[in-house]
Amino acid sequence: MGSRTDPARGELSDAAVPERLSPWAKGLDAFSRLIGSPGEVSHTSSYLMLSTVGSSVLGLAFWAVAARLFSARAVGAASAEVSTMGLLAGFAQLNFANAYVRYLPVAELESGRAIRRGYAVALVTAIVAAVIFFFTPLWRTVVGSDWVADAVFFCAVPLWTVFILQDGVLTGLSRAAVVPIENIGFGAAKLALLPLTGLIASGNAVFLAWTLPVVPAVGLVSAFLVRNGTRRDAQARARRAGASALPAGRELWSFLSAECVHSLVTSAATFLLPVIIEVRAGAVTEAHFYVPWLIYLGFNYLFSNVSSGLVVAMSREGRASRPPKQALVLMASIATLGLVFTVLIPGPLLSVLSAAYAVGGAGVLRLVGLSLPFGALSALFISYLWIEQRIWSLVAARIAQSAVLIGVTALFLGDLGLRAAGFGIIGESAVLAVAGAPMLWRRRHALSGASVQIDQK
């Protein structure tokens, strides 16, 4: 049996994890304990990192199998459709996932209502976004003209929106141990479905295999949250009725509105780029780009996992127990490992798809690796902006990032090919790292002691 810690302190219960998965999570947690004192930063980050690593490996395996079963054109078209769905869902969730990470740790009795309201607003936004997209010319370009494909895509957008929100809710409720179960299960299910969907729906097989598992994932986690939310409310009442530390209405709505803009900008940068490459260079080029792009996003998610653990701990406690050392060493480790693998052996990594994928994507994957040190600094900078609720500053930085990424890629795609996207990725990461360098230098001195009070703005 795993040890059980006090939920009032926001620490995670190992007993909440199945025994077959718990040792892997404990291994990551043991690594994080080596570089700093144990606590919620290491606990939350360990589970989220396990989720990211597991789902990224399964995601790469999914596209590798798809490349073997289907043509490069079919894979490129499916990846553009997945990206478009992600773009709409990423916008529709209005970055409530980040808000849940920041505020659920202190919401107490307000947590259930905050979750329900956020879900309702996000679902309505997702449906409206899908309807609007249906009447644009891009719908036929990306989705096609088959009514079955239309129906699957339309249903997938709101489901994927909830799927995105769930990780933020689970993390904010100190149930990050459930996140790897959900995401790794989803990854395994879509990989298993891929050969089957190829038999029954060859024209839309890849997208169908990617989206069908989201139905049980959303259903099972929602049921867990209903039961867990009731227990959390009971614990909150037992501790202290009306103990919510949520900010006042104007302050909260300012944070949420900034996060909505942040969501739009981030989603555009993340999911629009593959669509631009398909439209400008064709589905085959997009297929060669998409796996290096997924690897880049995977490393960014790992940085975000460490960032989320830091934000949850500092938000609940009002202080941080040596978070700079933990966060810096974890992020530096991720960046170093990523740099070694992507720069030194990009060809063998991509050759699991085919020789053509290795030739087409190796150059951009090397550039992805060179961007990772900047990405680590950017993630740490973002952590402090979240904690201090300086979201409009983050929005401005994200706009600059998106302009560099999209602008460099669009301007030089014709001359440099996919390397243009690689240089855009380096520029995107460097912009935020340079912008945050002064704050990180000041924090290096301000947080050198055992703890620091969070600036409540």
Protein backbone atom coordinates (compact mmCIF):
# COMPACT_ATOMS: atom_id res chain seq x y z
CA MET A 1 0.00 0.00 0.00
CA GLY A 2 1.17 3.53 -0.77
CA SER A 3 1.45 6.19 1.86
CA ARG A 4 -1.39 8.61 2.31
CA THR A 5 -0.70 12.26 3.07
CA ASP A 6 -2.95 15.01 4.37
CA PRO A 7 -5.22 16.25 1.55
CA ALA A 8 -5.57 19.58 3.33
CA ARG A 9 -1.91 20.21 2.52
CA GLY A 10 -2.48 19.45 -1.12
CA GLU A 11 -0.17 16.47 -1.27
CA LEU A 12 -1.05 13.46 -3.35
CA SER A 13 -2.01 10.02 -2.15
CA ASP A 14 -0.04 7.18 -3.70
CA ALA A 15 -2.95 4.91 -2.85
CA ALA A 16 -4.95 6.71 -5.52
CA VAL A 17 -2.70 5.15 -8.19
CA PRO A 18 -2.99 1.55 -9.35
CA GLU A 19 -0.08 -0.56 -8.11
CA ARG A 20 1.12 -1.30 -11.66
CA LEU A 21 1.56 2.42 -12.39
CA SER A 22 2.63 3.68 -8.97
CA PRO A 23 6.28 2.45 -9.15
CA TRP A 24 6.88 4.44 -12.34
CA ALA A 25 5.47 7.60 -10.79
CA LYS A 26 7.49 6.94 -7.64
CA GLY A 27 10.63 6.66 -9.75
CA LEU A 28 10.12 10.14 -11.14
CA ASP A 29 9.23 11.40 -7.68
CA ALA A 30 12.44 9.88 -6.29
CA PHE A 31 14.45 11.76 -8.92
CA SER A 32 12.83 15.05 -8.00
CA ARG A 33 13.53 14.35 -4.30
CA LEU A 34 17.23 14.07 -5.11
CA ILE A 35 17.31 17.69 -6.24
CA GLY A 36 15.27 19.28 -3.47
CA SER A 37 13.05 18.73 -0.49
CA PRO A 38 10.03 16.45 -1.07
CA GLY A 39 6.68 18.10 -1.38
CA GLU A 40 3.94 19.04 -3.76
CA VAL A 41 6.24 20.51 -6.41
CA SER A 42 7.92 17.13 -6.85
CA HIS A 43 4.73 15.10 -6.41
CA THR A 44 2.60 17.01 -8.90
CA SER A 45 5.40 17.45 -11.42
CA SER A 46 6.29 13.74 -11.25
CA TYR A 47 2.80 12.57 -12.13
CA LEU A 48 2.37 15.17 -14.87
CA MET A 49 5.78 14.31 -16.33
CA LEU A 50 4.87 10.62 -16.31
CA SER A 51 1.69 11.50 -18.18
CA THR A 52 3.55 13.59 -20.75
CA VAL A 53 6.28 11.01 -21.36
CA GLY A 54 3.82 8.13 -21.65
CA SER A 55 1.34 9.94 -23.88
CA SER A 56 4.15 11.39 -26.06
CA VAL A 57 5.69 7.96 -26.64
CA LEU A 58 2.30 6.50 -27.49
CA GLY A 59 1.54 9.50 -29.71
CA LEU A 60 4.75 9.00 -31.67
CA ALA A 61 3.97 5.29 -31.94
CA PHE A 62 0.50 6.20 -33.24
CA TRP A 63 1.91 8.32 -36.07
CA ALA A 64 4.61 5.73 -36.79
CA VAL A 65 1.96 3.03 -37.25
CA ALA A 66 -0.19 5.43 -39.29
CA ALA A 67 2.79 6.13 -41.57
CA ARG A 68 3.18 2.40 -42.14
CA LEU A 69 -0.51 1.76 -42.81
CA PHE A 70 -1.44 4.84 -44.82
CA SER A 71 0.09 7.15 -47.41
CA ALA A 72 2.01 10.28 -46.43
CA ARG A 73 -0.79 12.35 -47.96
CA ALA A 74 -3.40 10.66 -45.73
CA VAL A 75 -1.21 11.11 -42.64
CA GLY A 76 -0.62 14.77 -43.46
CA ALA A 77 -4.33 15.42 -43.98
CA ALA A 78 -5.20 13.69 -40.70
CA SER A 79 -2.57 15.62 -38.77
CA ALA A 80 -3.97 18.89 -40.13
CA GLU A 81 -7.47 17.81 -39.06
CA VAL A 82 -6.22 16.89 -35.57
CA SER A 83 -4.45 20.26 -35.36
CA THR A 84 -7.58 22.13 -36.42
CA MET A 85 -9.67 20.30 -33.83
CA GLY A 86 -7.04 21.15 -31.24
CA LEU A 87 -7.05 24.79 -32.33
CA LEU A 88 -10.82 25.10 -31.86
CA ALA A 89 -10.87 23.18 -28.57
CA GLY A 90 -7.82 25.01 -27.26
CA PHE A 91 -9.55 28.32 -27.87
CA ALA A 92 -12.91 27.11 -26.55
CA GLN A 93 -11.51 26.05 -23.18
CA LEU A 94 -10.56 29.75 -22.71
CA ASN A 95 -7.52 28.69 -20.68
CA PHE A 96 -9.76 27.70 -17.78
CA ALA A 97 -7.35 24.76 -17.40
CA ASN A 98 -4.65 27.21 -16.28
CA ALA A 99 -7.13 29.05 -14.06
CA TYR A 100 -8.06 25.76 -12.37
CA VAL A 101 -4.41 25.03 -11.65
CA ARG A 102 -3.97 28.50 -10.15
CA TYR A 103 -7.22 28.84 -8.14
CA LEU A 104 -8.67 25.41 -7.29
CA PRO A 105 -5.97 24.84 -4.65
CA VAL A 106 -7.46 27.75 -2.66
CA ALA A 107 -11.11 27.61 -3.80
CA GLU A 108 -12.31 25.23 -1.02
CA LEU A 109 -16.15 25.27 -1.05
CA GLU A 110 -16.20 27.22 -4.32
CA SER A 111 -14.35 24.51 -6.26
CA GLY A 112 -17.42 22.55 -7.40
CA ARG A 113 -19.25 25.61 -8.67
CA ALA A 114 -16.10 26.90 -10.39
CA ILE A 115 -15.67 23.61 -12.23
CA ARG A 116 -19.31 23.41 -13.34
CA ARG A 117 -19.41 27.00 -14.57
CA GLY A 118 -16.14 26.65 -16.42
CA TYR A 119 -17.28 23.47 -18.14
CA ALA A 120 -20.58 25.05 -19.19
CA VAL A 121 -18.95 28.15 -20.66
CA ALA A 122 -16.28 26.12 -22.45
CA LEU A 123 -18.80 23.69 -23.96
CA VAL A 124 -20.98 26.49 -25.30
CA THR A 125 -17.91 28.19 -26.74
CA ALA A 126 -16.77 24.94 -28.37
CA ILE A 127 -20.12 24.39 -30.07
CA VAL A 128 -20.25 27.97 -31.33
CA ALA A 129 -16.66 27.73 -32.60
CA ALA A 130 -17.42 24.49 -34.47
CA VAL A 131 -20.53 26.01 -36.07
CA ILE A 132 -18.63 29.09 -37.20
CA PHE A 133 -15.82 26.98 -38.62
CA PHE A 134 -18.36 24.86 -40.51
CA PHE A 135 -19.30 27.86 -42.64
CA THR A 136 -15.73 28.73 -43.59
CA PRO A 137 -13.94 27.44 -46.72
CA LEU A 138 -11.34 25.77 -44.50
CA TRP A 139 -13.89 23.21 -43.31
CA ARG A 140 -13.99 21.50 -46.72
CA THR A 141 -10.21 21.78 -47.10
CA VAL A 142 -9.45 20.21 -43.71
CA VAL A 143 -12.44 18.01 -42.89
CA GLY A 144 -13.77 17.09 -46.32
CA SER A 145 -17.29 16.80 -47.69
CA ASP A 146 -18.48 13.51 -46.19
CA TRP A 147 -21.33 13.94 -43.68
CA VAL A 148 -19.94 11.24 -41.40
CA ALA A 149 -16.60 13.04 -41.23
CA ASP A 150 -18.48 16.28 -40.55
CA ALA A 151 -20.42 14.73 -37.67
CA VAL A 152 -17.31 13.15 -36.10
CA PHE A 153 -15.37 16.40 -36.26
CA PHE A 154 -18.27 18.45 -34.89
CA CYS A 155 -18.70 16.11 -31.91
CA ALA A 156 -14.95 15.86 -31.34
CA VAL A 157 -14.46 19.59 -30.71
CA PRO A 158 -16.54 19.90 -27.48
CA LEU A 159 -15.32 16.51 -26.23
CA TRP A 160 -11.71 17.51 -26.78
CA THR A 161 -12.39 20.81 -24.99
CA VAL A 162 -13.46 18.93 -21.85
CA PHE A 163 -10.53 16.57 -22.27
CA ILE A 164 -8.15 19.56 -22.11
CA LEU A 165 -9.90 21.00 -19.05
CA GLN A 166 -9.71 17.73 -17.10
CA ASP A 167 -5.95 17.85 -16.58
CA GLY A 168 -6.18 21.34 -15.09
CA VAL A 169 -9.03 20.33 -12.80
CA LEU A 170 -7.28 17.17 -11.59
CA THR A 171 -4.05 19.08 -10.97
CA GLY A 172 -5.79 21.91 -9.15
CA LEU A 173 -7.65 19.42 -6.94
CA SER A 174 -4.35 17.71 -6.06
CA ARG A 175 -5.36 14.60 -7.98
CA ALA A 176 -2.53 14.72 -10.52
CA ALA A 177 -2.02 10.98 -9.95
CA VAL A 178 -5.08 10.40 -12.15
CA VAL A 179 -3.66 12.39 -15.07
CA PRO A 180 -1.20 9.72 -16.31
CA ILE A 181 -3.87 7.03 -16.00
CA GLU A 182 -6.21 9.07 -18.17
CA ASN A 183 -3.71 10.17 -20.80
CA ILE A 184 -1.72 6.96 -21.11
CA GLY A 185 -4.96 4.99 -21.34
CA PHE A 186 -6.16 7.35 -24.06
CA GLY A 187 -2.88 6.97 -25.96
CA ALA A 188 -2.96 3.19 -25.78
CA ALA A 189 -6.60 3.05 -26.89
CA LYS A 190 -6.09 5.22 -29.99
CA LEU A 191 -3.04 3.19 -30.99
CA ALA A 192 -4.99 -0.06 -30.65
CA LEU A 193 -7.90 1.35 -32.66
CA LEU A 194 -5.81 2.51 -35.62
CA PRO A 195 -5.67 -0.82 -37.52
CA LEU A 196 -9.38 -1.41 -36.82
CA THR A 197 -10.55 1.97 -38.09
CA GLY A 198 -8.48 1.39 -41.21
CA LEU A 199 -10.72 -1.57 -42.00
CA ILE A 200 -14.06 0.19 -41.48
CA ALA A 201 -13.37 3.81 -42.40
CA SER A 202 -10.29 4.01 -44.62
CA GLY A 203 -10.97 7.59 -45.73
CA ASN A 204 -11.08 8.97 -42.18
CA ALA A 205 -9.38 6.18 -40.25
CA VAL A 206 -6.54 8.13 -38.65
CA PHE A 207 -8.70 10.94 -37.29
CA LEU A 208 -11.37 8.49 -36.13
CA ALA A 209 -8.82 6.40 -34.22
CA TRP A 210 -7.43 9.57 -32.63
CA THR A 211 -10.78 10.86 -31.40
CA LEU A 212 -12.93 7.84 -30.45
CA PRO A 213 -11.07 7.10 -27.16
CA VAL A 214 -11.80 10.61 -25.91
CA VAL A 215 -15.41 9.53 -25.23
CA PRO A 216 -14.62 7.03 -22.41
CA ALA A 217 -11.78 9.27 -21.19
CA VAL A 218 -14.14 12.19 -20.64
CA GLY A 219 -16.89 10.00 -19.19
CA LEU A 220 -14.74 8.14 -16.67
CA VAL A 221 -12.85 11.21 -15.45
CA SER A 222 -16.08 13.20 -15.15
CA ALA A 223 -17.55 10.45 -12.98
CA PHE A 224 -14.40 10.47 -10.85
CA LEU A 225 -14.57 14.25 -10.46
CA VAL A 226 -18.21 14.13 -9.36
CA ARG A 227 -17.37 11.66 -6.61
CA ASN A 228 -14.08 13.34 -5.73
CA GLY A 229 -15.66 16.80 -5.67
CA THR A 230 -18.24 15.65 -3.12
CA ARG A 231 -15.49 14.27 -0.89
CA ARG A 232 -13.41 17.43 -1.27
CA ASP A 233 -16.38 19.63 -0.29
CA ALA A 234 -16.95 17.51 2.80
CA GLN A 235 -13.30 17.84 3.78
CA ALA A 236 -13.44 21.59 3.23
CA ARG A 237 -16.54 21.95 5.44
CA ALA A 238 -14.88 19.87 8.14
CA ARG A 239 -11.86 22.15 8.13
CA ARG A 240 -13.45 25.54 7.91
CA ALA A 241 -16.69 26.62 6.24
CA GLY A 242 -16.35 29.50 3.84
CA ALA A 243 -12.55 29.27 3.68
CA SER A 244 -12.25 30.15 0.00
CA ALA A 245 -9.26 32.31 -0.84
CA LEU A 246 -10.47 33.19 -4.33
CA PRO A 247 -9.77 36.80 -5.31
CA ALA A 248 -12.50 39.42 -5.55
CA GLY A 249 -14.81 39.51 -8.57
CA ARG A 250 -13.02 42.21 -10.57
CA GLU A 251 -9.60 40.68 -9.96
CA LEU A 252 -10.81 37.19 -10.87
CA TRP A 253 -12.54 38.33 -14.05
CA SER A 254 -9.46 40.31 -15.08
CA PHE A 255 -7.40 37.14 -14.67
CA LEU A 256 -9.92 35.03 -16.62
CA SER A 257 -10.30 37.53 -19.46
CA ALA A 258 -6.53 37.72 -19.83
CA GLU A 259 -6.39 33.92 -19.87
CA CYS A 260 -9.02 33.87 -22.65
CA VAL A 261 -6.82 36.07 -24.82
CA HIS A 262 -3.82 33.99 -23.80
CA SER A 263 -5.69 30.85 -24.88
CA LEU A 264 -6.50 32.29 -28.30
CA VAL A 265 -2.91 33.37 -28.95
CA THR A 266 -1.37 30.13 -27.69
CA SER A 267 -3.83 27.92 -29.55
CA ALA A 268 -3.22 29.81 -32.78
CA ALA A 269 0.54 29.36 -32.48
CA THR A 270 0.31 25.69 -31.48
CA PHE A 271 -2.29 24.36 -33.88
CA LEU A 272 -2.33 26.81 -36.79
CA LEU A 273 1.26 26.19 -37.86
CA PRO A 274 0.70 22.62 -39.18
CA VAL A 275 -2.35 23.86 -41.09
CA ILE A 276 -0.32 26.69 -42.66
CA ILE A 277 2.38 24.23 -43.74
CA GLU A 278 -0.19 21.91 -45.32
CA VAL A 279 -1.86 24.76 -47.22
CA ARG A 280 1.45 26.30 -48.36
CA ALA A 281 3.59 23.19 -48.94
CA GLY A 282 1.18 20.27 -49.23
CA ALA A 283 0.10 17.29 -47.15
CA VAL A 284 3.33 15.30 -47.69
CA THR A 285 5.51 18.10 -46.34
CA GLU A 286 3.10 18.52 -43.43
CA ALA A 287 3.41 14.81 -42.63
CA HIS A 288 7.23 15.14 -42.48
CA PHE A 289 6.91 18.19 -40.21
CA TYR A 290 4.24 16.92 -37.84
CA VAL A 291 6.29 14.38 -35.84
CA PRO A 292 9.14 16.85 -35.07
CA TRP A 293 6.45 19.34 -34.11
CA LEU A 294 4.88 16.79 -31.74
CA ILE A 295 8.29 16.15 -30.19
CA TYR A 296 8.72 19.89 -29.64
CA LEU A 297 5.28 20.14 -28.05
CA GLY A 298 6.06 17.11 -25.88
CA PHE A 299 9.12 18.79 -24.39
CA ASN A 300 7.11 21.98 -23.87
CA TYR A 301 4.50 19.96 -21.99
CA LEU A 302 7.24 18.53 -19.77
CA PHE A 303 8.38 22.05 -18.93
CA SER A 304 4.75 22.96 -18.22
CA ASN A 305 4.42 19.95 -15.90
CA VAL A 306 7.22 21.27 -13.71
CA SER A 307 5.69 24.73 -13.93
CA SER A 308 2.27 23.43 -12.84
CA GLY A 309 3.72 21.71 -9.79
CA LEU A 310 5.43 24.95 -8.80
CA VAL A 311 2.27 27.03 -9.31
CA VAL A 312 0.01 24.65 -7.34
CA ALA A 313 2.40 24.50 -4.38
CA MET A 314 3.04 28.24 -4.21
CA SER A 315 -0.62 29.10 -4.72
CA ARG A 316 -1.78 26.92 -1.83
CA GLU A 317 0.98 27.55 0.67
CA GLY A 318 1.58 31.23 -0.03
CA ARG A 319 5.29 30.37 -0.08
CA ALA A 320 7.69 28.01 -1.82
CA SER A 321 10.17 25.63 -0.23
CA ARG A 322 13.25 26.01 -2.43
CA PRO A 323 11.30 25.86 -5.73
CA PRO A 324 14.03 27.50 -7.82
CA LYS A 325 16.46 24.62 -7.24
CA GLN A 326 13.85 21.94 -7.94
CA ALA A 327 12.39 23.66 -10.98
CA LEU A 328 15.70 24.70 -12.49
CA VAL A 329 17.30 21.27 -12.18
CA LEU A 330 14.24 19.45 -13.49
CA MET A 331 13.91 21.80 -16.45
CA ALA A 332 17.64 21.73 -17.15
CA SER A 333 17.56 17.91 -17.13
CA ILE A 334 14.67 17.84 -19.60
CA ALA A 335 16.36 20.37 -21.89
CA THR A 336 19.70 18.54 -21.80
CA LEU A 337 18.23 15.12 -22.58
CA GLY A 338 16.10 16.59 -25.36
CA LEU A 339 19.05 18.45 -26.83
CA VAL A 340 21.18 15.31 -26.93
CA PHE A 341 18.56 13.11 -28.59
CA THR A 342 17.18 15.60 -31.10
CA VAL A 343 20.49 17.09 -32.22
CA LEU A 344 22.69 13.98 -32.28
CA ILE A 345 20.31 11.28 -33.53
CA PRO A 346 17.35 12.93 -35.33
CA GLY A 347 17.57 10.53 -38.28
CA PRO A 348 17.23 7.29 -36.28
CA LEU A 349 14.40 8.81 -34.23
CA LEU A 350 12.38 9.57 -37.37
CA SER A 351 13.38 6.46 -39.30
CA VAL A 352 10.88 4.43 -37.28
CA LEU A 353 8.28 6.03 -39.56
CA SER A 354 10.24 5.59 -42.81
CA ALA A 355 13.42 6.74 -44.52
CA ALA A 356 11.48 9.53 -46.23
CA TYR A 357 10.32 10.91 -42.88
CA ALA A 358 13.91 10.82 -41.57
CA VAL A 359 15.20 12.77 -44.57
CA GLY A 360 12.32 15.26 -44.55
CA GLY A 361 12.19 15.98 -40.81
CA ALA A 362 15.75 15.55 -39.48
CA GLY A 363 16.75 19.17 -40.16
CA VAL A 364 13.80 20.70 -38.35
CA LEU A 365 14.17 18.24 -35.44
CA ARG A 366 17.77 19.41 -34.87
CA LEU A 367 16.54 23.00 -34.70
CA VAL A 368 13.83 21.91 -32.24
CA GLY A 369 16.57 20.55 -29.98
CA LEU A 370 18.48 23.83 -30.09
CA SER A 371 15.36 25.66 -28.88
CA LEU A 372 14.94 23.59 -25.70
CA PRO A 373 17.30 25.53 -23.37
CA PHE A 374 15.34 28.68 -24.19
CA GLY A 375 12.12 26.75 -23.58
CA ALA A 376 13.20 25.82 -20.05
CA LEU A 377 13.85 29.45 -19.13
CA SER A 378 10.56 30.49 -20.71
CA ALA A 379 8.59 27.95 -18.65
CA LEU A 380 10.14 29.16 -15.39
CA PHE A 381 9.34 32.76 -16.33
CA ILE A 382 5.73 31.79 -17.09
CA SER A 383 5.44 30.14 -13.65
CA TYR A 384 6.17 33.39 -11.86
CA LEU A 385 3.81 35.37 -14.10
CA TRP A 386 1.01 32.93 -13.21
CA ILE A 387 1.77 33.03 -9.52
CA GLU A 388 1.79 36.82 -9.49
CA GLN A 389 -1.31 36.91 -11.75
CA ARG A 390 0.49 39.09 -14.31
CA ILE A 391 -1.38 37.40 -17.12
CA TRP A 392 -1.59 40.45 -19.39
CA SER A 393 2.22 40.57 -19.38
CA LEU A 394 2.19 36.91 -20.39
CA VAL A 395 -0.33 37.64 -23.15
CA ALA A 396 1.97 40.33 -24.59
CA ALA A 397 4.90 37.91 -24.54
CA ARG A 398 2.82 35.17 -26.18
CA ILE A 399 1.74 37.53 -28.95
CA ALA A 400 5.38 38.30 -29.66
CA GLN A 401 6.18 34.58 -29.66
CA SER A 402 3.36 33.74 -32.06
CA ALA A 403 4.33 36.57 -34.40
CA VAL A 404 7.90 35.27 -34.58
CA LEU A 405 6.88 31.63 -35.08
CA ILE A 406 4.21 32.20 -37.70
CA GLY A 407 6.02 35.11 -39.37
CA VAL A 408 9.39 33.39 -39.82
CA THR A 409 7.76 30.18 -41.04
CA ALA A 410 5.44 31.90 -43.51
CA LEU A 411 8.14 34.23 -44.88
CA PHE A 412 10.89 31.66 -45.42
CA LEU A 413 9.00 28.40 -46.00
CA GLY A 414 9.42 28.70 -49.76
CA ASP A 415 13.19 29.31 -49.57
CA LEU A 416 14.24 27.18 -46.59
CA GLY A 417 11.57 24.50 -46.55
CA LEU A 418 10.80 22.99 -43.15
CA ARG A 419 13.95 24.54 -41.68
CA ALA A 420 12.02 27.82 -41.72
CA ALA A 421 9.67 26.36 -39.10
CA GLY A 422 12.70 25.22 -37.08
CA PHE A 423 14.18 28.72 -37.04
CA GLY A 424 10.73 30.05 -36.12
CA ILE A 425 10.63 27.64 -33.16
CA ILE A 426 14.04 28.83 -31.95
CA GLY A 427 12.95 32.46 -32.29
CA GLU A 428 9.68 31.78 -30.46
CA SER A 429 11.45 30.23 -27.48
CA ALA A 430 14.22 32.84 -27.37
CA VAL A 431 11.77 35.77 -27.31
CA LEU A 432 10.20 34.73 -24.00
CA ALA A 433 13.50 33.63 -22.46
CA VAL A 434 15.08 37.01 -23.19
CA ALA A 435 11.99 38.89 -21.98
CA GLY A 436 11.98 36.94 -18.71
CA ALA A 437 15.71 37.02 -18.02
CA PRO A 438 15.61 40.17 -15.82
CA MET A 439 12.81 38.76 -13.62
CA LEU A 440 14.52 35.38 -13.30
CA TRP A 441 17.74 37.06 -12.25
CA ARG A 442 15.95 39.08 -9.58
CA ARG A 443 14.08 35.96 -8.35
CA ARG A 444 17.36 34.10 -8.09
CA HIS A 445 18.31 36.44 -5.25
CA ALA A 446 14.83 36.97 -3.78
CA LEU A 447 14.15 33.24 -3.43
CA SER A 448 17.56 32.15 -2.21
CA GLY A 449 16.21 31.56 1.33
CA ALA A 450 13.98 28.78 2.55
CA SER A 451 10.75 30.55 1.57
CA VAL A 452 9.32 33.69 0.10
CA GLN A 453 5.93 35.34 0.33
CA ILE A 454 3.99 35.44 -2.92
CA ASP A 455 3.27 38.88 -4.26
CA GLN A 456 -0.53 39.16 -4.04
CA LYS A 457 -1.54 41.45 -6.83
